[in-house]
Amino acid sequence: MLASALAGLIVIGFEAVEVPIIDRFASALPTAVPQQALMTVLGLACLGLAISLWIVEYQGRSLLIKHAGHLS
Protein backbone atom coordinates (compact mmCIF):
# COMPACT_ATOMS: atom_id res chain seq x y z
CA MET A 1 0.00 0.00 0.00
CA LEU A 2 2.74 2.41 0.89
CA ALA A 3 4.65 1.67 -2.32
CA SER A 4 1.51 2.30 -4.38
CA ALA A 5 0.82 5.57 -2.58
CA LEU A 6 4.44 6.62 -3.07
CA ALA A 7 4.29 5.72 -6.77
CA GLY A 8 1.14 7.80 -7.18
CA LEU A 9 2.77 10.77 -5.42
CA ILE A 10 5.88 10.46 -7.59
CA VAL A 11 3.82 10.45 -10.80
CA ILE A 12 1.82 13.48 -9.64
CA GLY A 13 5.01 15.29 -8.63
CA PHE A 14 6.70 14.45 -11.90
CA GLU A 15 3.75 15.83 -13.84
CA ALA A 16 3.72 19.00 -11.73
CA VAL A 17 7.35 19.60 -12.72
CA GLU A 18 6.91 18.45 -16.32
CA VAL A 19 3.92 20.64 -17.19
CA PRO A 20 5.71 24.02 -17.05
CA ILE A 21 8.69 22.62 -18.94
CA ILE A 22 6.81 20.81 -21.72
CA ASP A 23 4.07 23.41 -22.16
CA ARG A 24 6.64 25.87 -23.51
CA PHE A 25 6.91 23.54 -26.51
CA ALA A 26 3.25 22.42 -26.61
CA SER A 27 2.80 23.68 -30.17
CA ALA A 28 5.50 21.24 -31.29
CA LEU A 29 3.98 18.39 -29.24
CA PRO A 30 0.19 18.39 -29.77
CA THR A 31 -0.25 15.20 -27.74
CA ALA A 32 1.61 16.54 -24.68
CA VAL A 33 -1.39 17.98 -22.84
CA PRO A 34 -3.61 14.86 -23.15
CA GLN A 35 -0.71 12.66 -22.05
CA GLN A 36 -0.04 14.89 -19.05
CA ALA A 37 -3.71 14.79 -18.09
CA LEU A 38 -3.82 11.00 -18.45
CA MET A 39 -0.71 10.48 -16.33
CA THR A 40 -2.01 12.84 -13.65
CA VAL A 41 -5.32 10.96 -13.51
CA LEU A 42 -3.49 7.62 -13.30
CA GLY A 43 -1.29 8.95 -10.49
CA LEU A 44 -4.34 10.20 -8.61
CA ALA A 45 -6.08 6.85 -9.15
CA CYS A 46 -3.07 4.94 -7.81
CA LEU A 47 -2.85 7.21 -4.78
CA GLY A 48 -6.61 7.07 -4.17
CA LEU A 49 -6.76 3.30 -4.39
CA ALA A 50 -3.82 2.92 -2.01
CA ILE A 51 -5.44 5.27 0.49
CA SER A 52 -8.80 3.52 0.26
CA LEU A 53 -7.14 0.12 0.77
CA TRP A 54 -5.22 1.54 3.75
CA ILE A 55 -8.49 2.79 5.26
CA VAL A 56 -10.24 -0.56 4.74
CA GLU A 57 -7.32 -2.57 6.16
CA TYR A 58 -6.56 -0.41 9.18
CA GLN A 59 -9.95 1.11 10.01
CA GLY A 60 -10.23 1.48 13.76
CA ARG A 61 -6.77 0.03 14.42
CA SER A 62 -3.46 1.68 15.05
CA LEU A 63 -0.51 0.62 12.92
CA LEU A 64 1.55 0.01 16.07
CA ILE A 65 -1.10 -2.26 17.58
CA LYS A 66 -1.22 -4.26 14.35
CA HIS A 67 2.58 -4.69 14.43
CA ALA A 68 2.60 -5.68 18.10
CA GLY A 69 0.08 -8.44 17.36
CA HIS A 70 2.46 -10.00 14.85
CA LEU A 71 5.30 -10.16 17.38
CA SER A 72 3.52 -12.35 19.91
PDB file of N, CA and C in Angstrom:
ATOM      1  N   MET A   1       0.820  -1.187   0.000  1.00  0.00           N
ATOM      2  CA  MET A   1       0.000   0.000   0.000  1.00  0.00           C
ATOM      3  C   MET A   1       0.862   1.247   0.000  1.00  0.00           C
ATOM      4  N   LEU A   2       1.887   1.233   0.820  1.00  0.00           N
ATOM      5  CA  LEU A   2       2.744   2.411   0.887  1.00  0.00           C
ATOM      6  C   LEU A   2       3.502   2.627  -0.425  1.00  0.00           C
ATOM      7  N   ALA A   3       3.939   1.548  -1.041  1.00  0.00           N
ATOM      8  CA  ALA A   3       4.651   1.673  -2.317  1.00  0.00           C
ATOM      9  C   ALA A   3       3.724   2.225  -3.400  1.00  0.00           C
ATOM     10  N   SER A   4       2.470   1.796  -3.401  1.00  0.00           N
ATOM     11  CA  SER A   4       1.513   2.304  -4.380  1.00  0.00           C
ATOM     12  C   SER A   4       1.226   3.780  -4.148  1.00  0.00           C
ATOM     13  N   ALA A   5       1.065   4.157  -2.893  1.00  0.00           N
ATOM     14  CA  ALA A   5       0.823   5.566  -2.579  1.00  0.00           C
ATOM     15  C   ALA A   5       2.034   6.410  -2.978  1.00  0.00           C
ATOM     16  N   LEU A   6       3.227   5.903  -2.704  1.00  0.00           N
ATOM     17  CA  LEU A   6       4.440   6.623  -3.069  1.00  0.00           C
ATOM     18  C   LEU A   6       4.565   6.739  -4.591  1.00  0.00           C
ATOM     19  N   ALA A   7       4.241   5.682  -5.307  1.00  0.00           N
ATOM     20  CA  ALA A   7       4.294   5.722  -6.769  1.00  0.00           C
ATOM     21  C   ALA A   7       3.318   6.765  -7.320  1.00  0.00           C
ATOM     22  N   GLY A   8       2.121   6.806  -6.751  1.00  0.00           N
ATOM     23  CA  GLY A   8       1.145   7.805  -7.176  1.00  0.00           C
ATOM     24  C   GLY A   8       1.634   9.215  -6.917  1.00  0.00           C
ATOM     25  N   LEU A   9       2.227   9.438  -5.748  1.00  0.00           N
ATOM     26  CA  LEU A   9       2.768  10.766  -5.425  1.00  0.00           C
ATOM     27  C   LEU A   9       3.923  11.143  -6.348  1.00  0.00           C
ATOM     28  N   ILE A  10       4.752  10.183  -6.696  1.00  0.00           N
ATOM     29  CA  ILE A  10       5.877  10.457  -7.593  1.00  0.00           C
ATOM     30  C   ILE A  10       5.370  10.839  -8.976  1.00  0.00           C
ATOM     31  N   VAL A  11       4.378  10.128  -9.482  1.00  0.00           N
ATOM     32  CA  VAL A  11       3.818  10.452 -10.799  1.00  0.00           C
ATOM     33  C   VAL A  11       3.199  11.848 -10.788  1.00  0.00           C
ATOM     34  N   ILE A  12       2.442  12.159  -9.744  1.00  0.00           N
ATOM     35  CA  ILE A  12       1.823  13.481  -9.644  1.00  0.00           C
ATOM     36  C   ILE A  12       2.895  14.566  -9.543  1.00  0.00           C
ATOM     37  N   GLY A  13       3.916  14.332  -8.747  1.00  0.00           N
ATOM     38  CA  GLY A  13       5.009  15.294  -8.625  1.00  0.00           C
ATOM     39  C   GLY A  13       5.771  15.474  -9.925  1.00  0.00           C
ATOM     40  N   PHE A  14       6.004  14.377 -10.617  1.00  0.00           N
ATOM     41  CA  PHE A  14       6.698  14.454 -11.904  1.00  0.00           C
ATOM     42  C   PHE A  14       5.905  15.293 -12.892  1.00  0.00           C
ATOM     43  N   GLU A  15       4.596  15.062 -12.929  1.00  0.00           N
ATOM     44  CA  GLU A  15       3.754  15.834 -13.844  1.00  0.00           C
ATOM     45  C   GLU A  15       3.708  17.309 -13.460  1.00  0.00           C
ATOM     46  N   ALA A  16       3.729  17.597 -12.168  1.00  0.00           N
ATOM     47  CA  ALA A  16       3.721  18.996 -11.728  1.00  0.00           C
ATOM     48  C   ALA A  16       4.992  19.717 -12.191  1.00  0.00           C
ATOM     49  N   VAL A  17       6.098  19.001 -12.246  1.00  0.00           N
ATOM     50  CA  VAL A  17       7.350  19.601 -12.723  1.00  0.00           C
ATOM     51  C   VAL A  17       7.394  19.608 -14.253  1.00  0.00           C
ATOM     52  N   GLU A  18       6.852  18.584 -14.865  1.00  0.00           N
ATOM     53  CA  GLU A  18       6.911  18.447 -16.321  1.00  0.00           C
ATOM     54  C   GLU A  18       6.034  19.468 -17.039  1.00  0.00           C
ATOM     55  N   VAL A  19       4.879  19.770 -16.504  1.00  0.00           N
ATOM     56  CA  VAL A  19       3.919  20.641 -17.187  1.00  0.00           C
ATOM     57  C   VAL A  19       4.528  21.990 -17.560  1.00  0.00           C
ATOM     58  N   PRO A  20       5.155  22.720 -16.638  1.00  0.00           N
ATOM     59  CA  PRO A  20       5.715  24.016 -17.053  1.00  0.00           C
ATOM     60  C   PRO A  20       6.848  23.896 -18.067  1.00  0.00           C
ATOM     61  N   ILE A  21       7.576  22.787 -18.019  1.00  0.00           N
ATOM     62  CA  ILE A  21       8.694  22.616 -18.943  1.00  0.00           C
ATOM     63  C   ILE A  21       8.192  22.259 -20.338  1.00  0.00           C
ATOM     64  N   ILE A  22       7.303  21.296 -20.424  1.00  0.00           N
ATOM     65  CA  ILE A  22       6.812  20.815 -21.719  1.00  0.00           C
ATOM     66  C   ILE A  22       5.862  21.805 -22.369  1.00  0.00           C
ATOM     67  N   ASP A  23       5.068  22.507 -21.579  1.00  0.00           N
ATOM     68  CA  ASP A  23       4.069  23.413 -22.156  1.00  0.00           C
ATOM     69  C   ASP A  23       4.697  24.570 -22.926  1.00  0.00           C
ATOM     70  N   ARG A  24       5.967  24.854 -22.695  1.00  0.00           N
ATOM     71  CA  ARG A  24       6.642  25.871 -23.510  1.00  0.00           C
ATOM     72  C   ARG A  24       6.738  25.414 -24.960  1.00  0.00           C
ATOM     73  N   PHE A  25       6.773  24.098 -25.165  1.00  0.00           N
ATOM     74  CA  PHE A  25       6.905  23.540 -26.505  1.00  0.00           C
ATOM     75  C   PHE A  25       5.643  22.795 -26.923  1.00  0.00           C
ATOM     76  N   ALA A  26       4.494  23.152 -26.350  1.00  0.00           N
ATOM     77  CA  ALA A  26       3.249  22.422 -26.612  1.00  0.00           C
ATOM     78  C   ALA A  26       2.830  22.506 -28.071  1.00  0.00           C
ATOM     79  N   SER A  27       3.177  23.586 -28.753  1.00  0.00           N
ATOM     80  CA  SER A  27       2.802  23.676 -30.168  1.00  0.00           C
ATOM     81  C   SER A  27       3.541  22.631 -30.999  1.00  0.00           C
ATOM     82  N   ALA A  28       4.735  22.260 -30.571  1.00  0.00           N
ATOM     83  CA  ALA A  28       5.499  21.236 -31.286  1.00  0.00           C
ATOM     84  C   ALA A  28       5.040  19.831 -30.909  1.00  0.00           C
ATOM     85  N   LEU A  29       4.440  19.692 -29.724  1.00  0.00           N
ATOM     86  CA  LEU A  29       3.980  18.393 -29.243  1.00  0.00           C
ATOM     87  C   LEU A  29       2.476  18.456 -28.961  1.00  0.00           C
ATOM     88  N   PRO A  30       1.635  18.248 -29.977  1.00  0.00           N
ATOM     89  CA  PRO A  30       0.191  18.390 -29.767  1.00  0.00           C
ATOM     90  C   PRO A  30      -0.411  17.336 -28.827  1.00  0.00           C
ATOM     91  N   THR A  31       0.286  16.238 -28.626  1.00  0.00           N
ATOM     92  CA  THR A  31      -0.245  15.199 -27.741  1.00  0.00           C
ATOM     93  C   THR A  31       0.240  15.352 -26.309  1.00  0.00           C
ATOM     94  N   ALA A  32       1.020  16.385 -26.011  1.00  0.00           N
ATOM     95  CA  ALA A  32       1.614  16.535 -24.683  1.00  0.00           C
ATOM     96  C   ALA A  32       0.555  16.766 -23.612  1.00  0.00           C
ATOM     97  N   VAL A  33      -0.394  17.653 -23.863  1.00  0.00           N
ATOM     98  CA  VAL A  33      -1.388  17.982 -22.837  1.00  0.00           C
ATOM     99  C   VAL A  33      -2.284  16.788 -22.512  1.00  0.00           C
ATOM    100  N   PRO A  34      -2.817  16.052 -23.503  1.00  0.00           N
ATOM    101  CA  PRO A  34      -3.613  14.861 -23.148  1.00  0.00           C
ATOM    102  C   PRO A  34      -2.803  13.800 -22.393  1.00  0.00           C
ATOM    103  N   GLN A  35      -1.540  13.636 -22.752  1.00  0.00           N
ATOM    104  CA  GLN A  35      -0.705  12.663 -22.047  1.00  0.00           C
ATOM    105  C   GLN A  35      -0.460  13.097 -20.611  1.00  0.00           C
ATOM    106  N   GLN A  36      -0.243  14.389 -20.399  1.00  0.00           N
ATOM    107  CA  GLN A  36      -0.042  14.895 -19.046  1.00  0.00           C
ATOM    108  C   GLN A  36      -1.299  14.708 -18.211  1.00  0.00           C
ATOM    109  N   ALA A  37      -2.448  14.972 -18.807  1.00  0.00           N
ATOM    110  CA  ALA A  37      -3.712  14.792 -18.086  1.00  0.00           C
ATOM    111  C   ALA A  37      -3.931  13.318 -17.741  1.00  0.00           C
ATOM    112  N   LEU A  38      -3.652  12.438 -18.684  1.00  0.00           N
ATOM    113  CA  LEU A  38      -3.821  11.001 -18.448  1.00  0.00           C
ATOM    114  C   LEU A  38      -2.903  10.515 -17.336  1.00  0.00           C
ATOM    115  N   MET A  39      -1.644  10.918 -17.362  1.00  0.00           N
ATOM    116  CA  MET A  39      -0.710  10.476 -16.334  1.00  0.00           C
ATOM    117  C   MET A  39      -1.082  11.030 -14.960  1.00  0.00           C
ATOM    118  N   THR A  40      -1.578  12.259 -14.921  1.00  0.00           N
ATOM    119  CA  THR A  40      -2.011  12.837 -13.647  1.00  0.00           C
ATOM    120  C   THR A  40      -3.201  12.066 -13.094  1.00  0.00           C
ATOM    121  N   VAL A  41      -4.151  11.741 -13.950  1.00  0.00           N
ATOM    122  CA  VAL A  41      -5.321  10.960 -13.514  1.00  0.00           C
ATOM    123  C   VAL A  41      -4.895   9.578 -13.032  1.00  0.00           C
ATOM    124  N   LEU A  42      -3.962   8.941 -13.738  1.00  0.00           N
ATOM    125  CA  LEU A  42      -3.494   7.619 -13.302  1.00  0.00           C
ATOM    126  C   LEU A  42      -2.750   7.707 -11.970  1.00  0.00           C
ATOM    127  N   GLY A  43      -1.970   8.751 -11.768  1.00  0.00           N
ATOM    128  CA  GLY A  43      -1.289   8.947 -10.486  1.00  0.00           C
ATOM    129  C   GLY A  43      -2.273   9.164  -9.354  1.00  0.00           C
ATOM    130  N   LEU A  44      -3.307   9.974  -9.620  1.00  0.00           N
ATOM    131  CA  LEU A  44      -4.342  10.199  -8.609  1.00  0.00           C
ATOM    132  C   LEU A  44      -5.114   8.915  -8.311  1.00  0.00           C
ATOM    133  N   ALA A  45      -5.376   8.116  -9.352  1.00  0.00           N
ATOM    134  CA  ALA A  45      -6.083   6.849  -9.146  1.00  0.00           C
ATOM    135  C   ALA A  45      -5.243   5.893  -8.299  1.00  0.00           C
ATOM    136  N   CYS A  46      -3.965   5.813  -8.584  1.00  0.00           N
ATOM    137  CA  CYS A  46      -3.065   4.943  -7.814  1.00  0.00           C
ATOM    138  C   CYS A  46      -3.021   5.383  -6.358  1.00  0.00           C
ATOM    139  N   LEU A  47      -2.878   6.678  -6.135  1.00  0.00           N
ATOM    140  CA  LEU A  47      -2.853   7.208  -4.779  1.00  0.00           C
ATOM    141  C   LEU A  47      -4.192   6.983  -4.084  1.00  0.00           C
ATOM    142  N   GLY A  48      -5.284   7.253  -4.761  1.00  0.00           N
ATOM    143  CA  GLY A  48      -6.614   7.074  -4.172  1.00  0.00           C
ATOM    144  C   GLY A  48      -6.910   5.630  -3.809  1.00  0.00           C
ATOM    145  N   LEU A  49      -6.533   4.708  -4.683  1.00  0.00           N
ATOM    146  CA  LEU A  49      -6.760   3.297  -4.391  1.00  0.00           C
ATOM    147  C   LEU A  49      -5.908   2.822  -3.217  1.00  0.00           C
ATOM    148  N   ALA A  50      -4.681   3.299  -3.140  1.00  0.00           N
ATOM    149  CA  ALA A  50      -3.816   2.920  -2.015  1.00  0.00           C
ATOM    150  C   ALA A  50      -4.387   3.454  -0.700  1.00  0.00           C
ATOM    151  N   ILE A  51      -4.859   4.697  -0.720  1.00  0.00           N
ATOM    152  CA  ILE A  51      -5.439   5.272   0.494  1.00  0.00           C
ATOM    153  C   ILE A  51      -6.710   4.539   0.890  1.00  0.00           C
ATOM    154  N   SER A  52      -7.565   4.220  -0.084  1.00  0.00           N
ATOM    155  CA  SER A  52      -8.804   3.515   0.259  1.00  0.00           C
ATOM    156  C   SER A  52      -8.512   2.114   0.796  1.00  0.00           C
ATOM    157  N   LEU A  53      -7.517   1.432   0.249  1.00  0.00           N
ATOM    158  CA  LEU A  53      -7.142   0.123   0.766  1.00  0.00           C
ATOM    159  C   LEU A  53      -6.579   0.243   2.171  1.00  0.00           C
ATOM    160  N   TRP A  54      -5.776   1.286   2.418  1.00  0.00           N
ATOM    161  CA  TRP A  54      -5.221   1.535   3.751  1.00  0.00           C
ATOM    162  C   TRP A  54      -6.357   1.740   4.748  1.00  0.00           C
ATOM    163  N   ILE A  55      -7.359   2.524   4.366  1.00  0.00           N
ATOM    164  CA  ILE A  55      -8.488   2.794   5.261  1.00  0.00           C
ATOM    165  C   ILE A  55      -9.260   1.510   5.557  1.00  0.00           C
ATOM    166  N   VAL A  56      -9.492   0.691   4.543  1.00  0.00           N
ATOM    167  CA  VAL A  56     -10.235  -0.556   4.740  1.00  0.00           C
ATOM    168  C   VAL A  56      -9.451  -1.521   5.632  1.00  0.00           C
ATOM    169  N   GLU A  57      -8.149  -1.627   5.401  1.00  0.00           N
ATOM    170  CA  GLU A  57      -7.324  -2.568   6.155  1.00  0.00           C
ATOM    171  C   GLU A  57      -7.130  -2.150   7.605  1.00  0.00           C
ATOM    172  N   TYR A  58      -6.942  -0.873   7.851  1.00  0.00           N
ATOM    173  CA  TYR A  58      -6.563  -0.408   9.182  1.00  0.00           C
ATOM    174  C   TYR A  58      -7.624   0.448   9.853  1.00  0.00           C
ATOM    175  N   GLN A  59      -8.862   0.328   9.420  1.00  0.00           N
ATOM    176  CA  GLN A  59      -9.945   1.108  10.006  1.00  0.00           C
ATOM    177  C   GLN A  59     -10.129   0.727  11.471  1.00  0.00           C
ATOM    178  N   GLY A  60     -10.013   1.707  12.339  1.00  0.00           N
ATOM    179  CA  GLY A  60     -10.229   1.478  13.759  1.00  0.00           C
ATOM    180  C   GLY A  60      -9.065   0.844  14.486  1.00  0.00           C
ATOM    181  N   ARG A  61      -7.941   0.626  13.791  1.00  0.00           N
ATOM    182  CA  ARG A  61      -6.769   0.030  14.423  1.00  0.00           C
ATOM    183  C   ARG A  61      -5.573   0.938  14.225  1.00  0.00           C
ATOM    184  N   SER A  62      -4.706   0.944  15.184  1.00  0.00           N
ATOM    185  CA  SER A  62      -3.462   1.682  15.054  1.00  0.00           C
ATOM    186  C   SER A  62      -2.442   0.787  14.372  1.00  0.00           C
ATOM    187  N   LEU A  63      -1.560   1.386  13.597  1.00  0.00           N
ATOM    188  CA  LEU A  63      -0.513   0.619  12.923  1.00  0.00           C
ATOM    189  C   LEU A  63       0.391  -0.066  13.944  1.00  0.00           C
ATOM    190  N   LEU A  64       0.681   0.600  15.052  1.00  0.00           N
ATOM    191  CA  LEU A  64       1.552   0.012  16.071  1.00  0.00           C
ATOM    192  C   LEU A  64       0.898  -1.187  16.748  1.00  0.00           C
ATOM    193  N   ILE A  65      -0.397  -1.120  16.970  1.00  0.00           N
ATOM    194  CA  ILE A  65      -1.102  -2.255  17.577  1.00  0.00           C
ATOM    195  C   ILE A  65      -1.086  -3.445  16.623  1.00  0.00           C
ATOM    196  N   LYS A  66      -1.258  -3.188  15.340  1.00  0.00           N
ATOM    197  CA  LYS A  66      -1.220  -4.259  14.347  1.00  0.00           C
ATOM    198  C   LYS A  66       0.163  -4.922  14.344  1.00  0.00           C
ATOM    199  N   HIS A  67       1.227  -4.140  14.405  1.00  0.00           N
ATOM    200  CA  HIS A  67       2.575  -4.692  14.427  1.00  0.00           C
ATOM    201  C   HIS A  67       2.822  -5.503  15.710  1.00  0.00           C
ATOM    202  N   ALA A  68       2.379  -4.993  16.826  1.00  0.00           N
ATOM    203  CA  ALA A  68       2.602  -5.679  18.099  1.00  0.00           C
ATOM    204  C   ALA A  68       1.911  -7.039  18.110  1.00  0.00           C
ATOM    205  N   GLY A  69       0.783  -7.169  17.434  1.00  0.00           N
ATOM    206  CA  GLY A  69       0.083  -8.440  17.363  1.00  0.00           C
ATOM    207  C   GLY A  69       0.869  -9.488  16.601  1.00  0.00           C
ATOM    208  N   HIS A  70       1.671  -9.065  15.625  1.00  0.00           N
ATOM    209  CA  HIS A  70       2.460  -9.998  14.852  1.00  0.00           C
ATOM    210  C   HIS A  70       3.665 -10.518  15.636  1.00  0.00           C
ATOM    211  N   LEU A  71       4.116  -9.770  16.624  1.00  0.00           N
ATOM    212  CA  LEU A  71       5.300 -10.163  17.384  1.00  0.00           C
ATOM    213  C   LEU A  71       5.016 -11.268  18.389  1.00  0.00           C
ATOM    214  N   SER A  72       3.811 -11.357  18.869  1.00  0.00           N
ATOM    215  CA  SER A  72       3.524 -12.354  19.909  1.00  0.00           C
ATOM    216  C   SER A  72       3.116 -13.684  19.344  1.00  0.00           C
TER     217      SER A  72
END
